[in-house]
Every structure is written in C-alpha cells, then in structure tokens.
C-alpha cells in the first residue's frame, strides 16, 4: 500500500505550544521484518512515511490521516536514503521517541 498524503511534522515548542509543518509524503506499510524487529524493542510499528530530507528537521511527532481520521504518531526510527528522501518509522505510542 503506497498512498500519497499530506502529513504534519510537529515540533513541541513548550508544554502548550507546538509548530506544525505540512509536507507531501508517501505512506507505506511496514515490512514483516520491520514489524517484528520493532516489537522486540517494545514498539508497534504502524507505518512508514517517505518525506524529503530537506523538509524533515528531526520532528518527533507526525500527524497523518489514518483509517479516516487524523492520528498522531511518534517517530521511533529514521532512515536517510540516497535519493534525497527520509523514511520515518511511526508508532502509535505518542511520547516514546528514538529516531535513527
């Protein structure tokens, strides 16, 4: 499943303020290997987003359409590809961060 969407990369500025940046992204399913690897370290891998490296600035939260509603996810792992895109691996455990 590859789906082109608008995603919101979210930076928490304080306990009450946040900054949302909208970006074009491709939402993909996680591989079976990724799903099981993530589960071994306590994450439920929900999906992968591909975004341009120039647009991703280390945000730890992402909001995307998910099963008909907007849902927030935490980024638990990232992967920078040679084609200028970054893969963001998302988990529904908001507040649990990891990156790379």
PDB file of N, CA and C in Angstrom:
ATOM      1  N   UNK A   1       0.828  -1.173   0.000  1.00  0.00           N
ATOM      2  CA  UNK A   1       0.000   0.000   0.000  1.00  0.00           C
ATOM      3  C   UNK A   1       0.882   1.249   0.000  1.00  0.00           C
ATOM      4  N   UNK A   2       0.905   1.962  -1.069  1.00  0.00           N
ATOM      5  CA  UNK A   2       1.556   3.268  -1.124  1.00  0.00           C
ATOM      6  C   UNK A   2       0.472   4.299  -1.360  1.00  0.00           C
ATOM      7  N   UNK A   3       0.462   5.341  -0.530  1.00  0.00           N
ATOM      8  CA  UNK A   3      -0.564   6.366  -0.628  1.00  0.00           C
ATOM      9  C   UNK A   3       0.083   7.730  -0.447  1.00  0.00           C
ATOM     10  N   UNK A   4      -0.126   8.629  -1.411  1.00  0.00           N
ATOM     11  CA  UNK A   4       0.386   9.987  -1.292  1.00  0.00           C
ATOM     12  C   UNK A   4      -0.564  10.799  -0.416  1.00  0.00           C
ATOM     13  N   UNK A   5      -0.001  11.457   0.602  1.00  0.00           N
ATOM     14  CA  UNK A   5      -0.807  12.182   1.579  1.00  0.00           C
ATOM     15  C   UNK A   5      -0.142  13.507   1.947  1.00  0.00           C
ATOM     16  N   UNK A   6      -0.880  14.327   2.685  1.00  0.00           N
ATOM     17  CA  UNK A   6      -0.312  15.491   3.356  1.00  0.00           C
ATOM     18  C   UNK A   6      -0.095  15.069   4.814  1.00  0.00           C
ATOM     19  N   UNK A   7       1.127  15.225   5.305  1.00  0.00           N
ATOM     20  CA  UNK A   7       1.464  14.896   6.684  1.00  0.00           C
ATOM     21  C   UNK A   7       1.866  16.180   7.401  1.00  0.00           C
ATOM     22  N   UNK A   8       1.710  16.187   8.702  1.00  0.00           N
ATOM     23  CA  UNK A   8       2.113  17.328   9.519  1.00  0.00           C
ATOM     24  C   UNK A   8       3.245  16.898  10.433  1.00  0.00           C
ATOM     25  N   UNK A   9       4.420  17.509  10.250  1.00  0.00           N
ATOM     26  CA  UNK A   9       5.560  17.264  11.119  1.00  0.00           C
ATOM     27  C   UNK A   9       5.432  18.237  12.283  1.00  0.00           C
ATOM     28  N   UNK A  10       5.488  17.726  13.515  1.00  0.00           N
ATOM     29  CA  UNK A  10       5.161  18.534  14.681  1.00  0.00           C
ATOM     30  C   UNK A  10       6.373  18.668  15.599  1.00  0.00           C
ATOM     31  N   UNK A  11       6.686  19.921  15.917  1.00  0.00           N
ATOM     32  CA  UNK A  11       7.722  20.229  16.904  1.00  0.00           C
ATOM     33  C   UNK A  11       7.033  20.805  18.129  1.00  0.00           C
ATOM     34  N   UNK A  12       7.352  20.269  19.294  1.00  0.00           N
ATOM     35  CA  UNK A  12       6.804  20.811  20.533  1.00  0.00           C
ATOM     36  C   UNK A  12       7.719  21.942  20.990  1.00  0.00           C
ATOM     37  N   UNK A  13       7.166  23.162  21.029  1.00  0.00           N
ATOM     38  CA  UNK A  13       7.934  24.338  21.430  1.00  0.00           C
ATOM     39  C   UNK A  13       7.931  24.523  22.943  1.00  0.00           C
ATOM     40  N   UNK A  14       6.832  24.141  23.583  1.00  0.00           N
ATOM     41  CA  UNK A  14       6.698  24.186  25.040  1.00  0.00           C
ATOM     42  C   UNK A  14       5.587  23.202  25.408  1.00  0.00           C
ATOM     43  N   UNK A  15       5.208  23.181  26.672  1.00  0.00           N
ATOM     44  CA  UNK A  15       4.144  22.269  27.084  1.00  0.00           C
ATOM     45  C   UNK A  15       2.806  22.605  26.430  1.00  0.00           C
ATOM     46  N   UNK A  16       2.624  23.861  26.041  1.00  0.00           N
ATOM     47  CA  UNK A  16       1.339  24.291  25.482  1.00  0.00           C
ATOM     48  C   UNK A  16       1.415  24.745  24.030  1.00  0.00           C
ATOM     49  N   UNK A  17       2.620  24.842  23.482  1.00  0.00           N
ATOM     50  CA  UNK A  17       2.778  25.321  22.110  1.00  0.00           C
ATOM     51  C   UNK A  17       3.477  24.279  21.239  1.00  0.00           C
ATOM     52  N   UNK A  18       3.029  24.233  19.982  1.00  0.00           N
ATOM     53  CA  UNK A  18       3.678  23.357  19.019  1.00  0.00           C
ATOM     54  C   UNK A  18       3.658  24.026  17.648  1.00  0.00           C
ATOM     55  N   UNK A  19       4.547  23.555  16.807  1.00  0.00           N
ATOM     56  CA  UNK A  19       4.626  24.057  15.434  1.00  0.00           C
ATOM     57  C   UNK A  19       4.365  22.886  14.504  1.00  0.00           C
ATOM     58  N   UNK A  20       3.422  23.075  13.570  1.00  0.00           N
ATOM     59  CA  UNK A  20       3.102  22.042  12.578  1.00  0.00           C
ATOM     60  C   UNK A  20       3.558  22.530  11.207  1.00  0.00           C
ATOM     61  N   UNK A  21       4.263  21.661  10.497  1.00  0.00           N
ATOM     62  CA  UNK A  21       4.685  21.950   9.131  1.00  0.00           C
ATOM     63  C   UNK A  21       4.047  20.899   8.231  1.00  0.00           C
ATOM     64  N   UNK A  22       3.303  21.333   7.218  1.00  0.00           N
ATOM     65  CA  UNK A  22       2.684  20.369   6.301  1.00  0.00           C
ATOM     66  C   UNK A  22       3.664  20.022   5.184  1.00  0.00           C
ATOM     67  N   UNK A  23       3.735  18.731   4.864  1.00  0.00           N
ATOM     68  CA  UNK A  23       4.622  18.243   3.812  1.00  0.00           C
ATOM     69  C   UNK A  23       3.893  17.179   3.004  1.00  0.00           C
ATOM     70  N   UNK A  24       4.305  17.031   1.746  1.00  0.00           N
ATOM     71  CA  UNK A  24       3.830  15.918   0.943  1.00  0.00           C
ATOM     72  C   UNK A  24       4.614  14.681   1.369  1.00  0.00           C
ATOM     73  N   UNK A  25       3.931  13.561   1.500  1.00  0.00           N
ATOM     74  CA  UNK A  25       4.581  12.332   1.941  1.00  0.00           C
ATOM     75  C   UNK A  25       3.932  11.145   1.246  1.00  0.00           C
ATOM     76  N   UNK A  26       4.651  10.044   1.245  1.00  0.00           N
ATOM     77  CA  UNK A  26       4.099   8.777   0.778  1.00  0.00           C
ATOM     78  C   UNK A  26       4.015   7.854   1.977  1.00  0.00           C
ATOM     79  N   UNK A  27       2.803   7.372   2.255  1.00  0.00           N
ATOM     80  CA  UNK A  27       2.582   6.449   3.370  1.00  0.00           C
ATOM     81  C   UNK A  27       2.677   5.027   2.832  1.00  0.00           C
ATOM     82  N   UNK A  28       3.488   4.199   3.512  1.00  0.00           N
ATOM     83  CA  UNK A  28       3.685   2.819   3.095  1.00  0.00           C
ATOM     84  C   UNK A  28       3.473   1.880   4.276  1.00  0.00           C
ATOM     85  N   UNK A  29       3.165   0.652   3.978  1.00  0.00           N
ATOM     86  CA  UNK A  29       3.082  -0.381   5.007  1.00  0.00           C
ATOM     87  C   UNK A  29       4.486  -0.757   5.460  1.00  0.00           C
ATOM     88  N   UNK A  30       4.596  -1.203   6.693  1.00  0.00           N
ATOM     89  CA  UNK A  30       5.886  -1.692   7.176  1.00  0.00           C
ATOM     90  C   UNK A  30       6.059  -3.136   6.727  1.00  0.00           C
ATOM     91  N   UNK A  31       7.299  -3.507   6.536  1.00  0.00           N
ATOM     92  CA  UNK A  31       7.577  -4.900   6.177  1.00  0.00           C
ATOM     93  C   UNK A  31       7.367  -5.788   7.394  1.00  0.00           C
ATOM     94  N   UNK A  32       7.202  -7.061   7.140  1.00  0.00           N
ATOM     95  CA  UNK A  32       7.029  -8.017   8.231  1.00  0.00           C
ATOM     96  C   UNK A  32       8.257  -8.017   9.137  1.00  0.00           C
ATOM     97  N   UNK A  33       9.444  -7.932   8.541  1.00  0.00           N
ATOM     98  CA  UNK A  33      10.684  -7.905   9.320  1.00  0.00           C
ATOM     99  C   UNK A  33      10.719  -6.687  10.226  1.00  0.00           C
ATOM    100  N   UNK A  34      10.379  -5.501   9.685  1.00  0.00           N
ATOM    101  CA  UNK A  34      10.364  -4.280  10.496  1.00  0.00           C
ATOM    102  C   UNK A  34       9.354  -4.394  11.634  1.00  0.00           C
ATOM    103  N   UNK A  35       8.189  -4.947  11.347  1.00  0.00           N
ATOM    104  CA  UNK A  35       7.157  -5.098  12.366  1.00  0.00           C
ATOM    105  C   UNK A  35       7.680  -5.927  13.541  1.00  0.00           C
ATOM    106  N   UNK A  36       8.315  -7.055  13.243  1.00  0.00           N
ATOM    107  CA  UNK A  36       8.818  -7.926  14.307  1.00  0.00           C
ATOM    108  C   UNK A  36      10.049  -7.348  14.990  1.00  0.00           C
ATOM    109  N   UNK A  37      10.942  -6.697  14.236  1.00  0.00           N
ATOM    110  CA  UNK A  37      12.112  -6.054  14.845  1.00  0.00           C
ATOM    111  C   UNK A  37      11.671  -4.962  15.822  1.00  0.00           C
ATOM    112  N   UNK A  38      10.686  -4.154  15.435  1.00  0.00           N
ATOM    113  CA  UNK A  38      10.185  -3.090  16.307  1.00  0.00           C
ATOM    114  C   UNK A  38       9.535  -3.676  17.558  1.00  0.00           C
ATOM    115  N   UNK A  39       8.786  -4.748  17.395  1.00  0.00           N
ATOM    116  CA  UNK A  39       8.108  -5.369  18.533  1.00  0.00           C
ATOM    117  C   UNK A  39       9.109  -5.885  19.566  1.00  0.00           C
ATOM    118  N   UNK A  40      10.265  -6.327  19.111  1.00  0.00           N
ATOM    119  CA  UNK A  40      11.276  -6.851  20.036  1.00  0.00           C
ATOM    120  C   UNK A  40      11.832  -5.774  20.955  1.00  0.00           C
ATOM    121  N   UNK A  41      11.742  -4.511  20.542  1.00  0.00           N
ATOM    122  CA  UNK A  41      12.223  -3.418  21.392  1.00  0.00           C
ATOM    123  C   UNK A  41      11.064  -2.579  21.945  1.00  0.00           C
ATOM    124  N   UNK A  42       9.838  -3.127  21.876  1.00  0.00           N
ATOM    125  CA  UNK A  42       8.705  -2.508  22.536  1.00  0.00           C
ATOM    126  C   UNK A  42       7.870  -1.538  21.729  1.00  0.00           C
ATOM    127  N   UNK A  43       8.037  -1.497  20.421  1.00  0.00           N
ATOM    128  CA  UNK A  43       7.255  -0.597  19.582  1.00  0.00           C
ATOM    129  C   UNK A  43       6.254  -1.372  18.734  1.00  0.00           C
ATOM    130  N   UNK A  44       5.125  -0.757  18.463  1.00  0.00           N
ATOM    131  CA  UNK A  44       4.181  -1.302  17.492  1.00  0.00           C
ATOM    132  C   UNK A  44       4.341  -0.465  16.220  1.00  0.00           C
ATOM    133  N   UNK A  45       5.021  -1.000  15.256  1.00  0.00           N
ATOM    134  CA  UNK A  45       5.278  -0.276  14.017  1.00  0.00           C
ATOM    135  C   UNK A  45       3.988  -0.170  13.218  1.00  0.00           C
ATOM    136  N   UNK A  46       3.504   1.064  13.000  1.00  0.00           N
ATOM    137  CA  UNK A  46       2.217   1.287  12.340  1.00  0.00           C
ATOM    138  C   UNK A  46       2.352   1.503  10.838  1.00  0.00           C
ATOM    139  N   UNK A  47       3.313   2.336  10.432  1.00  0.00           N
ATOM    140  CA  UNK A  47       3.502   2.620   9.008  1.00  0.00           C
ATOM    141  C   UNK A  47       4.823   3.348   8.817  1.00  0.00           C
ATOM    142  N   UNK A  48       5.174   3.553   7.553  1.00  0.00           N
ATOM    143  CA  UNK A  48       6.391   4.272   7.171  1.00  0.00           C
ATOM    144  C   UNK A  48       5.974   5.450   6.317  1.00  0.00           C
ATOM    145  N   UNK A  49       6.569   6.605   6.574  1.00  0.00           N
ATOM    146  CA  UNK A  49       6.355   7.780   5.721  1.00  0.00           C
ATOM    147  C   UNK A  49       7.648   8.108   5.016  1.00  0.00           C
ATOM    148  N   UNK A  50       7.546   8.402   3.723  1.00  0.00           N
ATOM    149  CA  UNK A  50       8.697   8.906   2.973  1.00  0.00           C
ATOM    150  C   UNK A  50       8.503  10.405   2.809  1.00  0.00           C
ATOM    151  N   UNK A  51       9.481  11.198   3.272  1.00  0.00           N
ATOM    152  CA  UNK A  51       9.453  12.655   3.121  1.00  0.00           C
ATOM    153  C   UNK A  51      10.801  13.101   2.571  1.00  0.00           C
ATOM    154  N   UNK A  52      10.851  14.313   2.034  1.00  0.00           N
ATOM    155  CA  UNK A  52      12.117  14.850   1.534  1.00  0.00           C
ATOM    156  C   UNK A  52      13.013  15.196   2.712  1.00  0.00           C
ATOM    157  N   UNK A  53      14.305  14.845   2.599  1.00  0.00           N
ATOM    158  CA  UNK A  53      15.264  15.126   3.669  1.00  0.00           C
ATOM    159  C   UNK A  53      15.305  16.608   4.010  1.00  0.00           C
ATOM    160  N   UNK A  54      15.148  17.462   3.013  1.00  0.00           N
ATOM    161  CA  UNK A  54      15.216  18.909   3.243  1.00  0.00           C
ATOM    162  C   UNK A  54      14.034  19.430   4.067  1.00  0.00           C
ATOM    163  N   UNK A  55      12.957  18.660   4.173  1.00  0.00           N
ATOM    164  CA  UNK A  55      11.776  19.095   4.917  1.00  0.00           C
ATOM    165  C   UNK A  55      11.721  18.516   6.333  1.00  0.00           C
ATOM    166  N   UNK A  56      12.462  17.471   6.580  1.00  0.00           N
ATOM    167  CA  UNK A  56      12.434  16.828   7.889  1.00  0.00           C
ATOM    168  C   UNK A  56      13.564  17.372   8.754  1.00  0.00           C
ATOM    169  N   UNK A  57      13.205  17.929   9.894  1.00  0.00           N
ATOM    170  CA  UNK A  57      14.191  18.548  10.776  1.00  0.00           C
ATOM    171  C   UNK A  57      14.214  17.886  12.152  1.00  0.00           C
ATOM    172  N   UNK A  58      14.027  16.581  12.184  1.00  0.00           N
ATOM    173  CA  UNK A  58      14.118  15.845  13.431  1.00  0.00           C
ATOM    174  C   UNK A  58      12.863  15.868  14.289  1.00  0.00           C
ATOM    175  N   UNK A  59      11.737  16.273  13.719  1.00  0.00           N
ATOM    176  CA  UNK A  59      10.494  16.273  14.485  1.00  0.00           C
ATOM    177  C   UNK A  59      10.216  14.863  15.004  1.00  0.00           C
ATOM    178  N   UNK A  60       9.693  14.802  16.231  1.00  0.00           N
ATOM    179  CA  UNK A  60       9.433  13.505  16.856  1.00  0.00           C
ATOM    180  C   UNK A  60       7.971  13.103  16.805  1.00  0.00           C
ATOM    181  N   UNK A  61       7.107  13.995  16.350  1.00  0.00           N
ATOM    182  CA  UNK A  61       5.685  13.698  16.214  1.00  0.00           C
ATOM    183  C   UNK A  61       5.234  13.967  14.790  1.00  0.00           C
ATOM    184  N   UNK A  62       4.288  13.154  14.321  1.00  0.00           N
ATOM    185  CA  UNK A  62       3.715  13.293  12.984  1.00  0.00           C
ATOM    186  C   UNK A  62       2.213  13.081  13.086  1.00  0.00           C
ATOM    187  N   UNK A  63       1.455  13.890  12.357  1.00  0.00           N
ATOM    188  CA  UNK A  63       0.003  13.696  12.291  1.00  0.00           C
ATOM    189  C   UNK A  63      -0.353  13.396  10.845  1.00  0.00           C
ATOM    190  N   UNK A  64      -1.078  12.287  10.644  1.00  0.00           N
ATOM    191  CA  UNK A  64      -1.462  11.871   9.297  1.00  0.00           C
ATOM    192  C   UNK A  64      -2.890  11.350   9.303  1.00  0.00           C
ATOM    193  N   UNK A  65      -3.532  11.325   8.109  1.00  0.00           N
ATOM    194  CA  UNK A  65      -4.820  10.644   8.035  1.00  0.00           C
ATOM    195  C   UNK A  65      -4.589   9.144   8.217  1.00  0.00           C
ATOM    196  N   UNK A  66      -5.394   8.517   9.072  1.00  0.00           N
ATOM    197  CA  UNK A  66      -5.207   7.094   9.361  1.00  0.00           C
ATOM    198  C   UNK A  66      -6.574   6.483   9.591  1.00  0.00           C
ATOM    199  N   UNK A  67      -6.976   5.623   8.704  1.00  0.00           N
ATOM    200  CA  UNK A  67      -8.292   4.968   8.787  1.00  0.00           C
ATOM    201  C   UNK A  67      -9.419   5.987   8.936  1.00  0.00           C
ATOM    202  N   UNK A  68      -9.356   7.049   8.138  1.00  0.00           N
ATOM    203  CA  UNK A  68     -10.449   8.011   8.078  1.00  0.00           C
ATOM    204  C   UNK A  68     -10.412   9.138   9.091  1.00  0.00           C
ATOM    205  N   UNK A  69      -9.402   9.200   9.936  1.00  0.00           N
ATOM    206  CA  UNK A  69      -9.314  10.277  10.915  1.00  0.00           C
ATOM    207  C   UNK A  69      -7.855  10.717  11.054  1.00  0.00           C
ATOM    208  N   UNK A  70      -7.633  11.893  11.584  1.00  0.00           N
ATOM    209  CA  UNK A  70      -6.267  12.356  11.827  1.00  0.00           C
ATOM    210  C   UNK A  70      -5.742  11.674  13.085  1.00  0.00           C
ATOM    211  N   UNK A  71      -4.513  11.173  13.021  1.00  0.00           N
ATOM    212  CA  UNK A  71      -3.932  10.465  14.162  1.00  0.00           C
ATOM    213  C   UNK A  71      -2.483  10.892  14.320  1.00  0.00           C
ATOM    214  N   UNK A  72      -2.061  11.012  15.563  1.00  0.00           N
ATOM    215  CA  UNK A  72      -0.671  11.361  15.862  1.00  0.00           C
ATOM    216  C   UNK A  72       0.146  10.110  16.138  1.00  0.00           C
ATOM    217  N   UNK A  73       1.373  10.170  15.655  1.00  0.00           N
ATOM    218  CA  UNK A  73       2.323   9.080  15.845  1.00  0.00           C
ATOM    219  C   UNK A  73       3.644   9.647  16.323  1.00  0.00           C
ATOM    220  N   UNK A  74       4.432   8.810  16.970  1.00  0.00           N
ATOM    221  CA  UNK A  74       5.817   9.139  17.308  1.00  0.00           C
ATOM    222  C   UNK A  74       6.735   8.510  16.274  1.00  0.00           C
ATOM    223  N   UNK A  75       7.815   9.198  15.972  1.00  0.00           N
ATOM    224  CA  UNK A  75       8.851   8.655  15.093  1.00  0.00           C
ATOM    225  C   UNK A  75       9.803   7.861  15.978  1.00  0.00           C
ATOM    226  N   UNK A  76       9.893   6.550  15.740  1.00  0.00           N
ATOM    227  CA  UNK A  76      10.799   5.746  16.563  1.00  0.00           C
ATOM    228  C   UNK A  76      12.100   5.408  15.846  1.00  0.00           C
ATOM    229  N   UNK A  77      12.131   5.634  14.528  1.00  0.00           N
ATOM    230  CA  UNK A  77      13.349   5.347  13.756  1.00  0.00           C
ATOM    231  C   UNK A  77      13.290   6.120  12.461  1.00  0.00           C
ATOM    232  N   UNK A  78      14.433   6.548  11.966  1.00  0.00           N
ATOM    233  CA  UNK A  78      14.510   7.211  10.656  1.00  0.00           C
ATOM    234  C   UNK A  78      15.588   6.534   9.822  1.00  0.00           C
ATOM    235  N   UNK A  79      15.464   6.708   8.508  1.00  0.00           N
ATOM    236  CA  UNK A  79      16.466   6.168   7.587  1.00  0.00           C
ATOM    237  C   UNK A  79      16.607   7.137   6.423  1.00  0.00           C
ATOM    238  N   UNK A  80      17.800   7.722   6.265  1.00  0.00           N
ATOM    239  CA  UNK A  80      18.064   8.632   5.143  1.00  0.00           C
ATOM    240  C   UNK A  80      18.514   7.821   3.940  1.00  0.00           C
ATOM    241  N   UNK A  81      17.788   7.996   2.845  1.00  0.00           N
ATOM    242  CA  UNK A  81      18.090   7.252   1.620  1.00  0.00           C
ATOM    243  C   UNK A  81      18.961   8.086   0.687  1.00  0.00           C
ATOM    244  N   UNK A  82      19.571   7.428  -0.273  1.00  0.00           N
ATOM    245  CA  UNK A  82      20.451   8.093  -1.228  1.00  0.00           C
ATOM    246  C   UNK A  82      19.685   8.960  -2.228  1.00  0.00           C
ATOM    247  N   UNK A  83      18.365   8.746  -2.361  1.00  0.00           N
ATOM    248  CA  UNK A  83      17.583   9.501  -3.345  1.00  0.00           C
ATOM    249  C   UNK A  83      17.047  10.825  -2.802  1.00  0.00           C
ATOM    250  N   UNK A  84      17.511  11.256  -1.608  1.00  0.00           N
ATOM    251  CA  UNK A  84      17.084  12.534  -1.054  1.00  0.00           C
ATOM    252  C   UNK A  84      15.855  12.454  -0.165  1.00  0.00           C
ATOM    253  N   UNK A  85      15.374  11.255   0.099  1.00  0.00           N
ATOM    254  CA  UNK A  85      14.216  11.095   0.972  1.00  0.00           C
ATOM    255  C   UNK A  85      14.633  10.459   2.294  1.00  0.00           C
ATOM    256  N   UNK A  86      13.812  10.705   3.307  1.00  0.00           N
ATOM    257  CA  UNK A  86      13.993  10.091   4.610  1.00  0.00           C
ATOM    258  C   UNK A  86      12.759   9.258   4.913  1.00  0.00           C
ATOM    259  N   UNK A  87      12.978   8.053   5.393  1.00  0.00           N
ATOM    260  CA  UNK A  87      11.873   7.202   5.823  1.00  0.00           C
ATOM    261  C   UNK A  87      11.674   7.416   7.313  1.00  0.00           C
ATOM    262  N   UNK A  88      10.432   7.717   7.703  1.00  0.00           N
ATOM    263  CA  UNK A  88      10.063   7.883   9.109  1.00  0.00           C
ATOM    264  C   UNK A  88       9.245   6.666   9.521  1.00  0.00           C
ATOM    265  N   UNK A  89       9.720   5.938  10.504  1.00  0.00           N
ATOM    266  CA  UNK A  89       9.019   4.760  11.000  1.00  0.00           C
ATOM    267  C   UNK A  89       8.187   5.198  12.201  1.00  0.00           C
ATOM    268  N   UNK A  90       6.882   4.963  12.133  1.00  0.00           N
ATOM    269  CA  UNK A  90       5.952   5.527  13.104  1.00  0.00           C
ATOM    270  C   UNK A  90       5.327   4.480  14.015  1.00  0.00           C
ATOM    271  N   UNK A  91       5.159   4.872  15.272  1.00  0.00           N
ATOM    272  CA  UNK A  91       4.494   4.055  16.269  1.00  0.00           C
ATOM    273  C   UNK A  91       3.382   4.879  16.907  1.00  0.00           C
ATOM    274  N   UNK A  92       2.344   4.216  17.369  1.00  0.00           N
ATOM    275  CA  UNK A  92       1.233   4.930  17.979  1.00  0.00           C
ATOM    276  C   UNK A  92       1.485   5.297  19.426  1.00  0.00           C
ATOM    277  N   UNK A  93       2.626   4.900  19.967  1.00  0.00           N
ATOM    278  CA  UNK A  93       2.974   5.261  21.339  1.00  0.00           C
ATOM    279  C   UNK A  93       3.500   6.701  21.349  1.00  0.00           C
ATOM    280  N   UNK A  94       2.599   7.663  21.320  1.00  0.00           N
ATOM    281  CA  UNK A  94       2.997   9.068  21.307  1.00  0.00           C
ATOM    282  C   UNK A  94       3.734   9.376  22.601  1.00  0.00           C
ATOM    283  N   UNK A  95       4.870  10.037  22.462  1.00  0.00           N
ATOM    284  CA  UNK A  95       5.687  10.371  23.624  1.00  0.00           C
ATOM    285  C   UNK A  95       6.882   9.461  23.788  1.00  0.00           C
ATOM    286  N   UNK A  96       6.960   8.396  22.996  1.00  0.00           N
ATOM    287  CA  UNK A  96       8.117   7.495  23.025  1.00  0.00           C
ATOM    288  C   UNK A  96       8.959   7.807  21.801  1.00  0.00           C
ATOM    289  N   UNK A  97      10.159   8.293  22.018  1.00  0.00           N
ATOM    290  CA  UNK A  97      10.981   8.744  20.905  1.00  0.00           C
ATOM    291  C   UNK A  97      12.217   7.886  20.757  1.00  0.00           C
ATOM    292  N   UNK A  98      12.813   7.968  19.587  1.00  0.00           N
ATOM    293  CA  UNK A  98      14.015   7.201  19.366  1.00  0.00           C
ATOM    294  C   UNK A  98      14.833   7.751  18.228  1.00  0.00           C
ATOM    295  N   UNK A  99      14.202   8.009  17.058  1.00  0.00           N
ATOM    296  CA  UNK A  99      14.948   8.464  15.888  1.00  0.00           C
ATOM    297  C   UNK A  99      16.099   7.517  15.569  1.00  0.00           C
ATOM    298  N   UNK A 100      16.564   7.533  14.389  1.00  0.00           N
ATOM    299  CA  UNK A 100      17.656   6.710  13.890  1.00  0.00           C
ATOM    300  C   UNK A 100      17.640   5.366  14.541  1.00  0.00           C
TER     301      UNK A 100
END
